[in-house]
Protein backbone atom coordinates (compact mmCIF):
# COMPACT_ATOMS: atom_id res chain seq x y z
CA MET A 1 10.11 -1.21 -21.42
CA LEU A 2 9.90 1.90 -19.46
CA LYS A 3 12.30 2.68 -16.85
CA ILE A 4 12.64 5.26 -14.24
CA SER A 5 16.60 6.11 -13.03
CA SER A 6 17.76 7.12 -9.57
CA ASP A 7 18.66 10.34 -11.45
CA GLN A 8 15.05 10.86 -12.85
CA VAL A 9 13.78 10.57 -9.47
CA LYS A 10 16.20 12.75 -7.95
CA ALA A 11 15.67 15.50 -10.58
CA SER A 12 11.98 14.92 -10.31
CA GLY A 13 11.64 15.20 -6.57
CA GLY A 14 10.15 11.87 -5.97
CA PHE A 15 9.11 8.86 -7.28
CA LEU A 16 5.78 9.80 -8.02
CA ALA A 17 6.58 12.84 -9.75
CA ALA A 18 9.15 10.65 -12.03
CA LEU A 19 6.32 8.27 -12.31
CA ALA A 20 3.56 11.27 -14.04
CA GLU A 21 6.58 12.57 -16.18
CA GLU A 22 7.86 9.57 -17.68
CA SER A 23 4.50 8.22 -18.76
CA ALA A 24 3.05 11.73 -20.09
CA ALA A 25 6.74 11.77 -21.64
CA PHE A 26 5.66 8.25 -23.58
CA ALA A 27 2.16 9.43 -24.29
CA ALA A 28 3.35 13.14 -25.73
CA GLN A 29 4.80 11.06 -28.82
CA LEU A 30 1.66 9.33 -30.02
CA ILE A 31 -0.28 12.78 -29.81
CA GLU A 32 -0.29 15.71 -31.81
CA SER A 33 -1.50 19.07 -30.05
CA ARG A 34 -3.63 22.08 -31.35
CA PRO A 35 -0.85 25.26 -31.71
CA SER A 36 -0.44 26.82 -28.67
CA THR A 37 -1.37 30.84 -28.23
CA ASP A 38 1.73 32.17 -25.89
CA ASN A 39 3.26 31.64 -22.21
CA ALA A 40 0.21 33.10 -20.41
CA ASP A 41 -1.29 29.68 -21.49
CA ARG A 42 0.48 27.71 -19.15
CA PRO A 43 -1.70 26.75 -16.04
CA ALA A 44 -0.29 27.15 -12.64
CA LYS A 45 -2.61 24.09 -12.04
CA ILE A 46 -4.77 21.28 -12.55
CA ILE A 47 -8.04 21.45 -11.05
CA VAL A 48 -10.37 18.11 -10.79
CA HIS A 49 -13.44 17.82 -8.54
CA LYS A 50 -12.77 15.71 -5.64
CA GLU A 51 -12.78 11.65 -5.99
CA PRO A 52 -12.51 12.31 -9.68
CA HIS A 53 -13.76 9.38 -12.23
CA LEU A 54 -11.52 7.92 -14.91
CA ASP A 55 -12.58 10.62 -17.59
CA GLU A 56 -11.16 13.96 -15.77
CA TYR A 57 -7.88 11.69 -14.96
CA PHE A 58 -7.63 10.62 -18.72
CA ALA A 59 -8.53 14.34 -19.95
CA ALA A 60 -6.11 16.27 -17.71
CA PHE A 61 -3.39 13.64 -18.92
CA PHE A 62 -3.76 14.55 -21.97
CA PHE A 63 -4.10 18.31 -21.65
CA ARG A 64 -0.78 17.90 -19.68
CA CYS A 65 0.91 15.90 -22.93
CA THR A 66 0.09 18.91 -24.83
CA GLN A 67 2.84 21.13 -22.53
CA SER A 68 6.03 21.00 -23.44
CA SER A 69 8.23 18.76 -21.32
CA GLU A 70 9.44 21.30 -19.07
CA ASP A 71 5.79 22.40 -18.28
CA ARG A 72 4.35 19.18 -18.14
CA SER A 73 5.07 19.37 -14.22
CA ILE A 74 1.96 21.00 -13.51
CA PRO A 75 0.48 20.71 -9.71
CA PHE A 76 -2.48 18.14 -9.68
CA VAL A 77 -5.31 18.90 -7.24
CA GLU A 78 -8.43 17.92 -6.16
CA ARG A 79 -11.38 20.69 -4.81
CA GLY A 80 -14.82 20.79 -4.18
CA LEU A 81 -16.91 23.74 -5.05
CA HIS A 82 -18.68 25.49 -2.29
CA TRP A 83 -22.71 25.65 -2.75
CA ASP A 84 -22.45 29.14 -2.54
CA VAL A 85 -19.40 31.74 -2.95
CA ASP A 86 -16.22 29.59 -3.27
CA ARG A 87 -12.92 32.03 -2.30
CA THR A 88 -10.60 28.95 -3.27
CA ALA A 89 -11.99 28.96 -6.37
CA GLU A 90 -12.45 32.00 -7.34
CA ALA A 91 -8.26 32.88 -6.27
CA GLU A 92 -7.24 29.56 -8.17
CA TRP A 93 -9.35 29.02 -11.39
CA PRO A 94 -8.40 32.54 -13.62
CA TYR A 95 -4.49 30.53 -13.56
CA SER A 96 -5.94 26.89 -14.11
CA ALA A 97 -7.08 24.03 -15.90
CA VAL A 98 -10.11 23.10 -14.53
CA PHE A 99 -11.64 19.46 -15.23
CA GLY A 100 -15.48 18.14 -15.21
CA PHE A 101 -17.30 20.67 -12.97
CA GLY A 102 -18.62 23.83 -12.03
CA ALA A 103 -20.81 24.47 -15.30
CA GLY A 104 -23.18 27.40 -14.83
CA ARG A 105 -20.96 28.69 -11.68
CA ALA A 106 -20.03 32.50 -12.24
CA VAL A 107 -16.81 31.44 -11.39
CA SER A 108 -16.25 29.31 -14.37
CA ASP A 109 -16.04 31.88 -16.46
CA SER A 110 -12.51 32.82 -14.82
CA ALA A 111 -10.99 29.65 -15.38
CA LEU A 112 -7.87 30.11 -17.60
CA TYR A 113 -9.32 26.74 -19.31
CA HIS A 114 -12.55 24.98 -18.69
CA PHE A 115 -13.53 21.78 -19.41
CA ASP A 116 -16.18 20.58 -18.15
CA GLU A 117 -19.44 18.70 -20.04
CA HIS A 118 -22.17 19.24 -18.12
CA LEU A 119 -24.88 21.70 -18.77
CA PRO A 120 -26.17 24.09 -16.04
CA GLU A 121 -29.76 22.88 -16.76
CA GLY A 122 -28.48 19.32 -16.33
CA GLY A 123 -27.56 16.37 -18.98
CA ARG A 124 -24.28 17.13 -21.20
CA LYS A 125 -22.82 19.07 -24.54
CA GLU A 126 -20.30 16.20 -24.89
CA ASP A 127 -19.81 12.70 -23.68
CA SER A 128 -17.14 13.65 -21.69
CA CYS A 129 -14.67 16.03 -20.36
CA THR A 130 -12.16 13.62 -22.39
CA ASP A 131 -13.98 14.26 -25.84
CA ILE A 132 -13.62 18.36 -24.92
CA VAL A 133 -9.94 18.08 -24.57
CA PHE A 134 -8.86 16.33 -27.65
CA ASN A 135 -11.59 18.80 -29.75
CA GLU A 136 -10.02 21.40 -28.28
CA CYS A 137 -6.32 20.61 -27.69
CA LEU A 138 -5.34 17.92 -29.78
CA ALA A 139 -5.07 17.51 -33.75
CA ASN A 140 -3.97 14.46 -34.18
CA TRP A 141 -3.41 11.14 -32.15
CA ALA A 142 -2.65 7.67 -32.33
CA GLU A 143 -5.26 4.97 -32.98
CA CYS A 144 -4.31 3.34 -29.54
CA VAL A 145 -5.24 5.98 -28.12
CA ASP A 146 -8.48 6.71 -29.73
CA VAL A 147 -9.37 3.07 -28.72
CA ILE A 148 -8.96 3.63 -25.02
CA ARG A 149 -10.44 7.14 -25.46
CA ASP A 150 -13.71 5.50 -26.88
CA GLU A 151 -13.66 3.48 -23.61
CA VAL A 152 -13.54 5.83 -21.39
CA SER A 153 -16.10 8.27 -23.08
CA ALA A 154 -19.01 5.36 -23.50
CA ILE A 155 -18.39 4.27 -19.58
CA ASP A 156 -18.56 8.24 -18.66
CA THR A 157 -21.17 8.45 -20.75
CA SER A 158 -23.52 5.30 -20.66
CA GLY A 159 -21.85 3.21 -17.50
CA GLY A 160 -21.42 -0.70 -18.01
CA ALA A 161 -18.09 -1.10 -16.31
CA HIS A 162 -17.27 -4.15 -15.11
CA SER A 163 -16.99 -4.08 -11.15
CA LEU A 164 -13.23 -4.67 -11.82
CA HIS A 165 -12.82 -1.55 -14.62
CA LEU A 166 -10.59 0.80 -13.35
CA HIS A 167 -13.52 3.52 -13.49
CA ASN A 168 -14.95 1.47 -10.67
CA LEU A 169 -12.03 0.45 -9.17
CA LEU A 170 -10.67 4.25 -8.62
CA LYS A 171 -14.24 4.60 -6.41
CA SER A 172 -12.37 2.36 -4.04
CA VAL A 173 -9.35 3.81 -4.16
CA HIS A 174 -10.29 7.41 -3.17
CA LEU A 175 -11.76 5.73 -0.34
CA THR A 176 -9.95 3.38 0.97
CA GLN A 177 -7.54 3.85 4.33
CA PHE A 178 -4.37 2.64 3.07
CA PHE A 179 -2.13 0.32 4.73
CA HIS A 180 1.40 2.72 5.15
CA GLY A 181 3.75 0.20 7.57
CA HIS A 182 3.89 0.85 11.28
CA SER A 183 4.82 3.48 14.06
CA HIS A 184 7.52 3.20 16.00
CA ALA A 185 5.51 1.59 18.73
CA GLY A 186 4.58 -1.37 16.38
CA LYS A 187 1.41 -0.21 15.40
CA PRO A 188 -0.23 0.05 11.65
CA LEU A 189 -0.54 3.48 10.23
CA SER A 190 -3.03 4.13 7.46
CA GLY A 191 -4.66 6.73 5.62
CA LYS A 192 -6.24 7.93 2.27
CA ILE A 193 -3.59 8.81 -0.60
CA VAL A 194 -3.27 12.14 -1.72
CA ALA A 195 -4.38 13.45 -5.44
CA HIS A 196 -0.67 13.46 -7.21
CA TRP A 197 -0.47 9.62 -5.38
CA LYS A 198 -3.37 8.90 -7.38
CA ARG A 199 -2.96 10.43 -10.91
CA ALA A 200 0.29 8.99 -11.17
CA ILE A 201 -1.01 5.62 -10.47
CA VAL A 202 -3.68 6.04 -13.11
CA GLU A 203 -1.66 7.52 -15.80
CA ALA A 204 1.31 4.73 -15.25
CA LEU A 205 -1.93 2.25 -15.63
CA LEU A 206 -3.05 4.08 -18.85
CA THR A 207 0.06 4.48 -20.33
CA SER A 208 1.14 0.59 -19.70
CA ILE A 209 -1.89 -0.13 -21.82
CA LEU A 210 -0.71 2.28 -24.68
CA TYR A 211 2.67 0.82 -24.38
CA CYS A 212 1.65 -2.68 -25.34
CA ASP A 213 -0.33 -1.28 -28.18
CA ILE A 214 2.00 0.36 -29.66
CA ASN A 215 4.56 -2.26 -29.26
CA GLY A 216 2.35 -5.41 -30.29
CA ILE A 217 1.60 -7.27 -27.05
CA ASP A 218 -1.68 -8.69 -26.88
CA TYR A 219 -2.03 -8.43 -23.09
CA THR A 220 -5.00 -9.78 -22.92
CA SER A 221 -4.11 -13.37 -24.23
CA LYS A 222 -3.39 -16.15 -21.80
CA LYS A 223 0.01 -16.61 -22.57
CA GLN A 224 1.10 -12.77 -22.07
CA SER A 225 -1.01 -12.70 -19.11
CA VAL A 226 -1.61 -15.29 -16.50
CA PRO A 227 1.95 -15.71 -15.75
CA TYR A 228 2.38 -12.39 -14.68
CA ILE A 229 -1.11 -11.90 -13.09
CA GLU A 230 0.16 -14.76 -10.91
CA TYR A 231 3.11 -13.70 -10.15
CA ILE A 232 1.93 -10.36 -9.07
CA LEU A 233 -0.67 -11.98 -6.71
CA SER A 234 1.90 -14.55 -5.16
CA GLU A 235 4.01 -11.31 -4.04
CA LEU A 236 1.11 -9.55 -2.73
CA SER A 237 0.13 -12.15 -0.53
CA GLU A 238 3.00 -12.43 0.83
CA ALA A 239 3.31 -8.84 1.59
CA GLU A 240 1.89 -6.16 4.23
CA PRO A 241 -1.23 -5.39 4.50
CA PHE A 242 -2.21 -9.13 3.41
CA VAL A 243 0.42 -11.29 5.35
CA GLY A 244 -0.85 -10.14 8.33
CA ASN A 245 -4.47 -9.83 7.91
CA PRO A 246 -5.84 -12.97 7.52
CA ALA A 247 -9.66 -11.65 6.45
CA LEU A 248 -8.01 -9.59 3.73
CA LYS A 249 -5.76 -12.18 2.35
CA ARG A 250 -9.50 -14.36 2.04
CA GLN A 251 -10.35 -11.20 0.12
CA LEU A 252 -7.44 -11.32 -2.04
CA GLU A 253 -7.66 -15.17 -2.63
CA ASP A 254 -11.19 -14.67 -3.93
CA LEU A 255 -9.70 -11.83 -6.00
CA SER A 256 -7.32 -14.05 -7.43
CA GLY A 257 -10.00 -16.87 -8.80
CA LYS A 258 -11.70 -14.15 -10.66
CA LEU A 259 -9.44 -12.83 -12.89
CA ASN A 260 -9.20 -15.00 -15.96
CA PRO A 261 -8.16 -13.31 -18.74
CA GLY A 262 -10.36 -15.35 -21.02
CA TYR A 263 -13.74 -14.61 -19.03
CA PHE A 264 -12.99 -10.69 -19.31
CA LYS A 265 -11.79 -11.12 -23.11
CA SER A 266 -15.09 -12.53 -24.44
CA ASN A 267 -17.63 -11.68 -22.01
CA VAL A 268 -17.08 -8.50 -20.58
CA LYS A 269 -17.96 -6.04 -23.07
CA ILE A 270 -18.91 -2.17 -23.68
CA SER A 271 -20.93 -1.04 -26.31
CA ILE A 272 -19.02 1.60 -28.69
CA ASN A 273 -20.62 3.17 -31.64
CA GLY A 274 -23.12 0.19 -31.55
CA LYS A 275 -20.24 -2.69 -31.73
CA GLU A 276 -19.81 -4.87 -28.43
CA LYS A 277 -16.15 -4.52 -27.71
CA PRO A 278 -14.22 -6.05 -24.75
CA GLN A 279 -13.85 -3.80 -21.98
CA LEU A 280 -9.66 -3.05 -21.97
CA LEU A 281 -8.99 -1.38 -18.92
CA VAL A 282 -10.54 -4.03 -16.48
CA LEU A 283 -7.77 -5.48 -13.49
CA PRO A 284 -6.23 -9.00 -15.16
CA SER A 285 -5.21 -6.58 -18.39
CA LEU A 286 -3.74 -3.75 -15.99
CA ILE A 287 -1.83 -6.11 -14.31
CA ALA A 288 -0.54 -7.85 -17.33
CA ALA A 289 -0.20 -5.03 -19.09
CA SER A 290 2.26 -2.65 -16.64
CA TYR A 291 4.34 -6.03 -16.13
CA HIS A 292 5.12 -5.90 -19.45
CA ALA A 293 5.40 -1.60 -19.29
CA TRP A 294 7.16 -1.26 -16.08
CA GLY A 295 8.53 -4.34 -15.01
CA PRO A 296 7.50 -6.43 -11.52
CA GLU A 297 8.93 -3.83 -9.09
CA ILE A 298 6.64 -0.99 -10.57
CA CYS A 299 4.07 -3.03 -11.45
CA GLN A 300 3.69 -4.47 -8.34
CA PHE A 301 3.47 -0.76 -6.79
CA LEU A 302 0.48 0.12 -9.37
CA ILE A 303 -1.69 -2.74 -8.60
CA SER A 304 -1.31 -3.27 -4.95
CA HIS A 305 -3.03 -0.42 -4.79
CA LEU A 306 -5.99 -1.20 -6.50
CA VAL A 307 -5.94 -4.96 -5.17
CA GLU A 308 -5.77 -3.37 -1.00
CA ALA A 309 -8.96 -0.78 -1.79
CA GLN A 310 -10.75 -3.89 -3.68
CA ALA A 311 -9.98 -6.19 -1.14
CA ARG A 312 -10.90 -3.60 1.87
CA SER A 313 -13.87 -2.70 -0.21
CA ASN A 314 -15.27 -6.33 -0.55
CA SER A 315 -14.40 -6.94 3.56
CA VAL A 316 -17.03 -4.00 4.35
CA TYR A 317 -19.36 -5.66 1.78
CA ASN A 318 -19.42 -8.66 3.73
CA LYS A 319 -19.58 -6.47 7.31
CA THR A 320 -22.44 -4.39 5.87
CA LEU A 321 -24.43 -7.48 4.72
CA ASP A 322 -24.13 -9.30 7.72
CA LEU A 323 -25.25 -6.47 10.06
CA ALA A 324 -28.22 -5.65 7.70
CA ARG A 325 -29.27 -9.45 8.24
CA LYS A 326 -28.40 -8.99 11.85
CA CYS A 327 -30.25 -5.75 12.25
CA TRP A 328 -33.61 -6.90 10.39
CA SER A 329 -33.48 -10.21 12.57
CA GLU A 330 -34.78 -8.00 15.55
CA GLU A 331 -38.61 -8.60 16.06
CA LYS A 332 -39.97 -5.17 16.52
CA PHE A 333 -39.64 -1.82 15.37
CA PRO A 334 -37.50 0.41 14.75
CA LYS A 335 -34.42 -2.63 14.65
CA GLU A 336 -31.27 -1.10 15.26
CA ALA A 337 -27.48 -2.49 14.81
CA ALA A 338 -23.92 -1.05 15.13
CA GLU A 339 -20.76 -2.28 14.37
CA GLY A 340 -17.68 0.30 15.06
CA THR A 341 -18.37 3.32 12.92
CA LEU A 342 -21.14 1.61 11.44
CA SER A 343 -24.84 1.95 12.26
CA LEU A 344 -27.92 0.70 10.95
CA ARG A 345 -31.69 1.89 11.85
CA MET A 346 -34.48 0.32 10.02
CA VAL A 347 -38.04 1.57 10.02
CA THR A 348 -41.40 0.85 8.06
CA CYS A 349 -44.12 2.73 6.03
CA PHE A 350 -46.75 2.18 3.67
CA GLU A 351 -47.85 -0.92 2.56
CA THR A 352 -46.84 -3.02 -0.66
CA ARG A 353 -50.74 -3.21 -2.31
CA ALA A 354 -50.82 0.70 -2.72
CA LEU A 355 -47.15 0.47 -4.68
CA GLY A 356 -48.02 -2.47 -6.82
CA VAL A 357 -45.21 -5.01 -5.74
CA GLN A 358 -45.41 -7.95 -3.92
CA ARG A 359 -43.00 -10.89 -2.78
CA ALA A 360 -42.20 -13.40 -5.37
CA ASN A 361 -42.75 -16.56 -2.79
CA HIS A 362 -46.15 -15.23 -2.16
CA TRP A 363 -48.31 -18.45 -3.51
CA ASP A 364 -51.29 -19.84 -2.04
CA LYS A 365 -50.92 -23.41 -0.52
CA ASN A 366 -54.72 -24.55 -1.52
CA TYR A 367 -54.67 -23.13 -4.95
CA ASN A 368 -52.57 -23.78 -8.21
CA LYS A 369 -52.54 -19.98 -9.28
CA ARG A 370 -50.76 -17.39 -7.56
CA PHE A 371 -52.94 -15.97 -4.79
CA ARG A 372 -53.29 -12.25 -4.04
CA PRO A 373 -50.42 -10.45 -2.14
CA LYS A 374 -50.37 -9.89 1.06
CA PRO A 375 -49.35 -6.24 2.69
CA ILE A 376 -45.91 -5.72 2.93
CA LEU A 377 -44.40 -2.73 4.57
CA ILE A 378 -41.98 -0.97 2.81
CA SER A 379 -38.58 -0.71 4.48
CA ILE A 380 -36.11 2.09 4.89
CA ILE A 381 -32.79 1.40 6.32
CA HIS A 382 -30.97 4.56 7.75
CA CYS A 383 -27.19 3.87 7.50
CA ARG A 384 -24.87 6.05 9.50
CA TYR A 385 -20.69 5.65 8.05
CA THR A 386 -17.77 7.27 8.38
CA ASP A 387 -14.22 6.33 6.31
CA ALA A 388 -13.46 3.40 8.30
CA THR A 389 -16.90 1.50 6.19
CA PRO A 390 -16.32 3.13 2.43
CA GLN A 391 -19.67 2.45 -0.29
CA PRO A 392 -21.57 0.34 2.80
CA HIS A 393 -24.69 0.67 0.03
CA LYS A 394 -23.21 -2.24 -2.24
CA GLY A 395 -23.48 -4.73 0.78
CA LEU A 396 -26.85 -3.03 1.33
CA GLN A 397 -28.64 -2.63 -2.15
CA ARG A 398 -27.42 -6.80 -2.23
CA PHE A 399 -29.58 -7.39 1.30
CA LEU A 400 -32.62 -5.02 -0.18
CA SER A 401 -32.81 -6.89 -3.34
CA GLU A 402 -32.29 -10.44 -2.43
CA ASP A 403 -33.53 -9.99 1.48
CA LEU A 404 -36.81 -7.66 1.32
CA HIS A 405 -37.31 -8.05 -2.45
CA GLY A 406 -35.97 -4.56 -3.57
CA VAL A 407 -38.94 -3.02 -1.53
CA GLY A 408 -37.68 -0.28 0.33
CA LEU A 409 -35.60 2.75 0.44
CA LEU A 410 -31.60 3.38 1.65
CA LEU A 411 -30.95 6.45 3.42
CA LEU A 412 -27.07 6.82 3.28
CA GLU A 413 -25.16 9.34 5.86
CA HIS A 414 -21.82 10.28 6.19
CA VAL A 415 -21.17 11.34 9.32
CA LYS A 416 -17.79 13.07 9.55
CA GLU A 417 -18.57 15.13 6.10
CA GLY A 418 -22.00 16.04 6.58
CA ARG A 419 -23.69 14.43 3.27
CA LYS A 420 -26.71 12.12 2.51
CA ALA A 421 -27.91 9.87 -0.23
CA ILE A 422 -30.75 7.97 -0.99
CA PHE A 423 -30.90 4.56 -3.16
CA LYS A 424 -34.42 2.99 -4.28
CA GLY A 425 -35.09 -0.83 -4.22
CA ASN A 426 -35.19 -2.44 -7.48
CA ALA A 427 -39.07 -3.54 -6.59
CA ILE A 428 -39.65 0.77 -6.95
CA LYS A 429 -41.07 1.62 -10.06
CA LYS A 430 -39.36 4.34 -11.68
CA GLU A 431 -42.90 6.61 -11.39
CA GLN A 432 -42.86 6.29 -8.43
CA TRP A 433 -39.25 7.08 -7.19
CA LEU A 434 -39.87 9.98 -9.26
CA ALA A 435 -42.39 11.25 -7.23
CA ILE A 436 -40.85 10.69 -4.04
CA VAL A 437 -37.59 12.49 -5.72
CA ARG A 438 -40.13 15.58 -6.64
CA ARG A 439 -41.10 15.36 -2.68
CA LEU A 440 -38.01 15.59 -1.24
CA GLN A 441 -36.86 18.38 -3.73
CA LEU A 442 -40.00 20.69 -2.74
CA GLU A 443 -39.32 19.81 1.18
CA GLU A 444 -35.77 20.50 0.64
CA PRO A 445 -35.15 23.12 -1.92
CA GLN A 446 -31.69 23.24 -3.31
CA LEU A 447 -30.67 19.99 -1.10
CA TRP A 448 -31.24 17.10 -3.49
CA TYR A 449 -29.54 16.44 -7.06
CA LEU A 450 -30.78 13.58 -9.29
CA VAL A 451 -28.19 12.87 -11.83
CA ASN A 452 -30.67 12.10 -14.45
CA GLU A 453 -34.21 10.45 -14.81
CA ASN A 454 -33.28 7.01 -14.72
CA ALA A 455 -30.64 7.17 -11.73
CA SER A 456 -31.59 4.98 -9.10
CA PHE A 457 -30.25 7.67 -6.30
CA ILE A 458 -29.95 10.84 -5.63
CA LEU A 459 -27.22 13.07 -3.87
CA ASN A 460 -27.31 15.24 -0.76
CA GLY A 461 -24.05 17.05 -2.33
CA ASN A 462 -21.33 15.29 -2.72
CA ALA A 463 -17.42 15.63 -2.34
CA ALA A 464 -16.93 17.74 -5.61
CA HIS A 465 -20.27 19.49 -4.92
CA PRO A 466 -20.48 20.42 -0.77
CA ILE A 467 -23.84 21.88 0.31
CA PRO A 468 -25.54 21.99 3.63
CA MET A 469 -26.68 18.72 4.94
CA SER A 470 -30.67 17.45 4.77
CA LYS A 471 -32.40 17.02 7.89
CA LEU A 472 -33.95 13.40 6.66
CA SER A 473 -33.87 10.77 9.13
CA ALA A 474 -35.76 7.31 8.36
CA ARG A 475 -38.96 8.48 10.28
CA SER A 476 -39.00 11.54 8.16
CA LEU A 477 -38.55 10.01 5.40
CA ALA A 478 -41.34 7.55 6.00
CA LYS A 479 -43.61 10.18 6.95
CA LEU A 480 -42.78 12.51 4.15
CA ILE A 481 -43.26 9.30 1.43
CA ASP A 482 -46.27 7.81 2.82
CA GLY A 483 -49.15 8.27 0.78
CA GLU A 484 -47.42 10.23 -1.81
CA VAL A 485 -46.46 6.70 -3.87
CA GLY A 486 -49.40 4.96 -3.35
CA GLY A 487 -51.56 7.39 -5.36
CA LEU A 488 -49.67 6.85 -8.31
CA VAL A 489 -51.17 3.47 -8.40
């Protein structure tokens, strides 16, 4: 079992730093790095984009493992990259290792190390940031490292991660306002966790999987996982924030019922090199592996972040779905509803006949054959939100799919950070969606970014690449695309 002594904590400057150092020390034994040139190649910082993906964490972790033990305590920071000139990047990148962003930008040429799989014109030169680091910095590595690397790269390239995979759990961790205790007045304190805190958690979880593989511990088996999963979840249910929050505790109980290791092992798979393999970095496996690797106390610390983030995300999901249904029940347009910092406004535009889609339940009662669909209006849902209600699109996408039969668009607007995104309903065909995207990009040049032609969303900047905010509203979006899509059919 991996252990962290009080002397290590003191020497490292805190528990999180000691945890990160112990993780790197273990993982470094599993790789052989390429010979470094000289001391000038040691980066002053590791820089990832804001809200990094699992791929960037994995790549940065093993890059750090290539450094000598004295040089592994490199500061880990998250940065955005301004759409115009970024003076912070110009000052930091010449002395740093940069992961996962900046392709095509002039500042990228100045970086001491730059690991980015993206091409300036779109697409990728490698499957993942991880692959670039391994190809350039590592000479050899253990088979167990390759297994996890393959999974991380495959998911970063093609998606397909289960909702309880670390790749997706991290999205909630980035946005969650975690419980941090109480003030002197007894009021609950909350806030996001900082970059090096998240880094330490992710690296310790990755290390736990590697530890179990090296030591022959089958963390996916019922015998080696179920007792530890039950114990950790039981301990968490009696600790804050769950013990004092009935709604959050119900989410924990619901989550507990979904962590059957046998189900994940048999049914939750990812295609890697043409073969279907079980996804390993899923929550039940992470709980069992971290228990075996780090013991119950550190395991509970690590898992508490994933579980609290998922429980709060599910709570927002239900809240958003309920609010959307309440809003839709209003008799006239525009329909409006609000709760706390979350507000919805719904408007409509062109008829369904122009789109060539129809409700599934439109049948002619007088005949035994499907009747020509009646006109239905396309709904546009404008959601304004803050960090208090992260990822509202999840509940709204279900509402759009189930209640509106996928006939509509979601316009999301983060009020504080000033960025927007548009998601399409599943009844909007690909060619129709791309027509909307082209029209948007013509109306607001350089403000909207489509990840690829198969993406069901388009972004007006993100945390990593802040750009001027679009002026688009639900009503202006309806006017913008009215007639544009219908003309394709």
